[in-house]
Protein backbone atom coordinates (compact mmCIF):
# COMPACT_ATOMS: atom_id res chain seq x y z
CA MET A 1 14.24 -9.66 12.43
CA GLU A 2 16.06 -11.57 9.70
CA SER A 3 12.82 -11.56 7.69
CA ILE A 4 13.16 -7.80 7.18
CA LYS A 5 16.76 -8.04 5.97
CA ASN A 6 15.86 -10.85 3.60
CA ARG A 7 12.41 -9.66 2.50
CA ARG A 8 11.32 -9.75 -1.10
CA THR A 9 8.04 -9.33 -2.93
CA ILE A 10 6.24 -12.64 -3.51
CA ARG A 11 3.91 -12.92 -6.50
CA LYS A 12 3.64 -16.72 -6.74
CA TYR A 13 1.99 -18.71 -3.96
CA LYS A 14 1.49 -22.35 -3.04
CA SER A 15 -2.06 -23.67 -2.94
CA GLN A 16 -1.72 -24.11 0.84
CA ASN A 17 -4.39 -22.16 2.69
CA ILE A 18 -3.82 -19.75 5.57
CA SER A 19 -5.81 -20.74 8.63
CA ASP A 20 -8.23 -18.29 10.21
CA ASP A 21 -6.35 -18.69 13.49
CA LEU A 22 -3.03 -17.65 11.97
CA LEU A 23 -4.49 -14.77 9.99
CA ASN A 24 -6.42 -13.43 12.98
CA GLU A 25 -3.37 -13.75 15.22
CA LEU A 26 -1.26 -11.75 12.75
CA LEU A 27 -3.93 -9.08 12.40
CA GLN A 28 -4.39 -8.84 16.16
CA GLU A 29 -0.66 -8.33 16.62
CA ALA A 30 -0.55 -5.83 13.76
CA PHE A 31 -3.23 -3.77 15.49
CA ARG A 32 -0.72 -3.00 18.25
CA ALA A 33 0.77 -0.42 15.88
CA SER A 34 0.99 3.20 16.95
CA THR A 35 -2.26 5.06 16.27
CA MET A 36 -3.50 8.66 16.30
CA GLY A 37 -5.08 9.36 19.71
CA ASN A 38 -5.55 5.60 20.24
CA MET A 39 -8.51 5.81 17.85
CA GLN A 40 -7.44 2.95 15.50
CA LEU A 41 -8.68 4.63 12.33
CA TYR A 42 -8.64 1.61 10.03
CA SER A 43 -10.58 -1.43 8.93
CA VAL A 44 -9.46 -4.52 7.01
CA ILE A 45 -11.54 -6.36 4.41
CA VAL A 46 -10.51 -10.04 4.16
CA THR A 47 -11.15 -11.61 0.76
CA ARG A 48 -10.91 -15.39 0.47
CA SER A 49 -13.64 -16.41 -1.98
CA GLU A 50 -12.70 -17.06 -5.59
CA GLU A 51 -15.74 -15.08 -6.69
CA MET A 52 -14.70 -11.91 -4.86
CA LYS A 53 -11.05 -12.23 -5.89
CA ALA A 54 -12.19 -12.50 -9.51
CA LYS A 55 -14.18 -9.28 -9.08
CA LEU A 56 -11.26 -7.52 -7.38
CA ALA A 57 -8.70 -8.51 -10.00
CA PRO A 58 -9.77 -6.07 -12.77
CA LEU A 59 -9.73 -3.25 -10.23
CA HIS A 60 -6.05 -4.01 -9.67
CA PHE A 61 -5.27 -4.09 -13.39
CA ASN A 62 -5.61 -7.90 -13.43
CA GLN A 63 -2.39 -8.54 -11.57
CA PRO A 64 -2.39 -12.36 -11.23
CA MET A 65 -1.54 -12.34 -7.51
CA VAL A 66 -5.06 -11.15 -6.73
CA THR A 67 -6.63 -14.40 -7.91
CA THR A 68 -3.80 -16.82 -7.06
CA ALA A 69 -3.11 -15.73 -3.47
CA PRO A 70 -5.20 -17.55 -0.83
CA VAL A 71 -5.96 -14.26 0.94
CA VAL A 72 -6.30 -10.68 -0.24
CA LEU A 73 -6.45 -7.94 2.40
CA THR A 74 -7.76 -4.45 1.69
CA PHE A 75 -6.65 -2.00 4.37
CA CYS A 76 -8.99 1.01 4.66
CA ALA A 77 -8.67 4.40 6.30
CA ASP A 78 -11.81 4.44 8.46
CA PHE A 79 -13.33 7.32 10.41
CA ASN A 80 -16.83 5.85 10.08
CA ARG A 81 -16.66 3.54 13.10
CA PHE A 82 -15.24 6.20 15.42
CA SER A 83 -17.79 8.78 14.25
CA LEU A 84 -20.67 6.38 14.87
CA TRP A 85 -19.36 5.76 18.39
CA CYS A 86 -19.12 9.49 19.03
CA ARG A 87 -22.73 10.07 18.02
CA GLN A 88 -23.96 7.16 20.11
CA ARG A 89 -22.20 8.72 23.09
CA LYS A 90 -23.67 12.24 22.65
CA ALA A 91 -20.52 13.65 21.03
CA GLU A 92 -20.63 15.35 17.64
CA PRO A 93 -17.68 14.21 15.45
CA GLY A 94 -15.87 16.71 13.24
CA TYR A 95 -13.89 14.32 11.07
CA ASN A 96 -15.30 15.00 7.60
CA ASN A 97 -12.18 16.90 6.50
CA PHE A 98 -8.85 16.34 4.81
CA ILE A 99 -6.66 16.29 7.94
CA SER A 100 -8.84 13.50 9.35
CA PHE A 101 -8.24 11.47 6.19
CA ILE A 102 -4.49 12.00 6.58
CA ASN A 103 -4.69 10.83 10.20
CA ALA A 104 -6.65 7.72 9.18
CA LEU A 105 -4.30 7.13 6.25
CA SER A 106 -1.28 7.25 8.57
CA ASP A 107 -2.91 4.84 11.01
CA THR A 108 -3.76 2.44 8.21
CA LEU A 109 -0.30 2.37 6.66
CA LEU A 110 1.30 1.77 10.06
CA VAL A 111 -0.95 -1.25 10.56
CA THR A 112 -0.34 -2.46 7.01
CA GLN A 113 3.43 -2.45 7.48
CA ASN A 114 3.11 -4.13 10.87
CA PHE A 115 1.05 -6.90 9.30
CA CYS A 116 3.50 -7.38 6.41
CA THR A 117 6.48 -7.69 8.76
CA LEU A 118 4.66 -10.14 11.03
CA ALA A 119 3.38 -12.21 8.10
CA GLU A 120 6.83 -12.55 6.60
CA ASP A 121 8.28 -13.49 9.97
CA ALA A 122 5.66 -16.25 10.15
CA GLY A 123 6.86 -17.70 6.84
CA LEU A 124 4.28 -16.08 4.58
CA GLY A 125 4.96 -14.00 1.49
CA ILE A 126 3.28 -10.73 0.61
CA CYS A 127 2.86 -8.39 -2.32
CA TYR A 128 1.85 -4.76 -1.84
CA LEU A 129 -0.50 -3.49 -4.56
CA GLY A 130 -0.14 0.23 -5.17
CA THR A 131 -3.14 0.08 -7.49
CA THR A 132 -5.52 0.57 -4.55
CA ILE A 133 -4.93 4.31 -4.29
CA TYR A 134 -4.92 4.63 -8.09
CA ASN A 135 -8.35 3.08 -8.55
CA PRO A 136 -10.29 3.48 -5.28
CA GLU A 137 -13.83 4.22 -6.50
CA PRO A 138 -14.75 0.77 -7.93
CA ILE A 139 -13.10 -0.88 -4.90
CA ILE A 140 -15.35 1.22 -2.66
CA ASP A 141 -18.39 0.05 -4.63
CA LEU A 142 -17.40 -3.63 -4.65
CA LEU A 143 -16.56 -3.76 -0.94
CA ASN A 144 -19.57 -1.64 0.11
CA LEU A 145 -17.45 0.92 1.91
CA PRO A 146 -19.55 3.62 3.61
CA GLU A 147 -18.84 7.32 3.95
CA LEU A 148 -15.56 8.14 5.75
CA VAL A 149 -13.97 4.84 4.62
CA VAL A 150 -11.37 4.81 1.81
CA PRO A 151 -9.21 1.86 0.66
CA VAL A 152 -5.52 2.77 0.77
CA ALA A 153 -3.53 -0.50 0.54
CA THR A 154 -4.08 -4.03 -0.70
CA ILE A 155 -1.84 -6.94 0.30
CA THR A 156 -1.86 -10.40 -1.26
CA VAL A 157 -0.76 -13.08 1.21
CA GLY A 158 0.24 -16.72 0.91
CA TYR A 159 2.97 -19.30 1.35
CA PRO A 160 5.76 -18.47 -1.13
CA ASP A 161 6.20 -20.58 -4.23
CA GLU A 162 9.21 -18.63 -5.46
CA CYS A 163 12.36 -16.94 -4.16
CA PRO A 164 12.99 -13.95 -6.39
CA ALA A 165 16.00 -11.68 -6.12
CA GLN A 166 15.78 -8.91 -3.56
CA PRO A 167 15.01 -5.51 -5.04
CA ASP A 168 17.74 -2.90 -4.67
CA ARG A 169 17.59 -0.19 -2.04
CA LEU A 170 19.32 3.19 -1.85
CA PRO A 171 22.30 3.46 0.52
CA LEU A 172 21.82 4.71 4.07
CA ASN A 173 23.81 7.89 3.48
CA GLY A 174 21.47 8.77 0.63
CA ILE A 175 18.42 8.85 2.86
CA VAL A 176 19.47 9.76 6.41
CA HIS A 177 20.06 13.42 7.30
CA LEU A 178 21.70 14.44 10.58
CA GLU A 179 19.96 17.20 12.56
CA THR A 180 18.63 19.05 9.48
CA TYR A 181 17.91 18.22 5.85
CA LYS A 182 21.01 18.54 3.68
CA GLN A 183 20.27 19.36 0.05
CA TYR A 184 21.87 16.95 -2.41
CA SER A 185 24.65 18.07 -4.71
CA PRO A 186 24.86 16.68 -8.26
CA GLU A 187 27.73 14.48 -7.05
CA ASP A 188 25.58 13.18 -4.19
CA ILE A 189 22.81 12.21 -6.63
CA ASP A 190 25.32 10.43 -8.88
CA ASN A 191 26.66 8.42 -5.95
CA ILE A 192 23.27 7.59 -4.42
CA TYR A 193 21.80 6.24 -7.66
CA ALA A 194 24.97 4.70 -9.13
CA TYR A 195 24.21 1.13 -8.03
CA LYS A 196 20.56 1.24 -9.15
CA GLU A 197 21.60 2.60 -12.53
CA SER A 198 24.24 -0.11 -12.97
CA LEU A 199 21.92 -3.10 -12.52
CA PRO A 200 21.59 -5.21 -15.67
CA GLU A 201 17.79 -5.31 -15.49
CA ASN A 202 17.64 -1.51 -15.34
CA LEU A 203 20.10 -1.13 -18.21
CA ASN A 204 17.85 -3.50 -20.16
CA PHE A 205 14.77 -1.36 -19.37
CA ILE A 206 16.58 1.66 -20.80
CA SER A 207 17.59 -0.22 -23.94
CA ILE A 208 14.27 -1.86 -24.81
CA ASN A 209 12.38 1.38 -24.23
CA ASN A 210 14.82 3.45 -26.30
CA LYS A 211 15.52 5.80 -23.41
CA GLU A 212 18.70 7.57 -22.39
CA THR A 213 18.48 7.23 -18.60
CA LEU A 214 16.72 5.16 -15.94
CA ALA A 215 15.01 8.31 -14.65
CA GLN A 216 13.23 8.58 -18.01
CA ILE A 217 11.74 5.12 -17.44
CA PHE A 218 10.00 6.55 -14.37
CA THR A 219 8.99 9.93 -15.79
CA ASP A 220 8.04 8.88 -19.33
CA ILE A 221 6.71 5.33 -18.90
CA ARG A 222 6.00 4.11 -15.37
CA TYR A 223 4.73 7.20 -13.53
CA LYS A 224 3.87 9.81 -16.11
CA LYS A 225 2.73 13.32 -15.22
CA SER A 226 -0.53 12.87 -17.13
CA ASP A 227 -1.30 9.63 -15.29
CA ASN A 228 -0.46 11.19 -11.93
CA GLU A 229 -2.74 14.14 -12.60
CA PHE A 230 -5.58 11.88 -13.75
CA MET A 231 -5.32 9.64 -10.67
CA SER A 232 -4.96 12.68 -8.39
CA SER A 233 -8.24 14.11 -9.68
CA GLY A 234 -9.87 10.70 -9.16
CA LEU A 235 -8.64 10.53 -5.57
CA VAL A 236 -9.93 14.04 -4.82
CA LYS A 237 -13.29 12.98 -6.27
CA VAL A 238 -13.33 9.91 -4.02
CA LEU A 239 -12.42 11.92 -0.93
CA LYS A 240 -15.31 14.26 -1.68
CA ARG A 241 -17.67 11.34 -2.22
CA GLN A 242 -16.58 9.66 1.00
CA GLY A 243 -16.94 12.86 3.02
CA PHE A 244 -13.31 13.76 3.66
CA PHE A 245 -12.93 16.66 1.26
CA GLU A 246 -15.47 19.43 0.93
CA ASP A 247 -15.80 21.95 -1.90
CA ARG A 248 -15.01 25.44 -0.69
């Protein structure tokens, strides 16, 4: 698909709506993704109303795409539906544990990527919001998610009203390992990250933040240890609340 080679994150959308028929067709196709045991351990919350988008926006750190996109999709890891089916069929489910969350998480992300690829191929633009996993508890409350359901990805969708530059990607030989994992030498690391480090926008980030290297932008500003630990503890709390993680 040319749409994959040319893909870019779209944050500005036209006012043109997405029809229910098109959205449902894309979701139906996306649901053909591979799934653990053919259980389809996911649900999708479709948000179209201005009122609900306005309530979602603060939970995603007020990123403007949440309110300007015609559709916002919250993809949820969901073992609730399957567990209810089991009980209604005289089978006792045992899915209130961490491995079951991982299985549902994997299912959900496979479907999410399927949808994004299909949407872009249909001429739509998407933006993936990583804030979902950082701030899941208020999203759970707003969307009325029951036990064994956890939001893991949010996608804003619409017809593009911009054509931004493509983000850089690491070279193939920096990611692919043949037969077994080959540990990287210092020279390998230099070569793999050379292009990323040379980009003018990244050099500017280093300069305006008074840092020495691009890596320090990630470790000291964008994804700090203290933030990671805080959000990790919040996620563990949510998994306990939603029944996936028990105190031992």
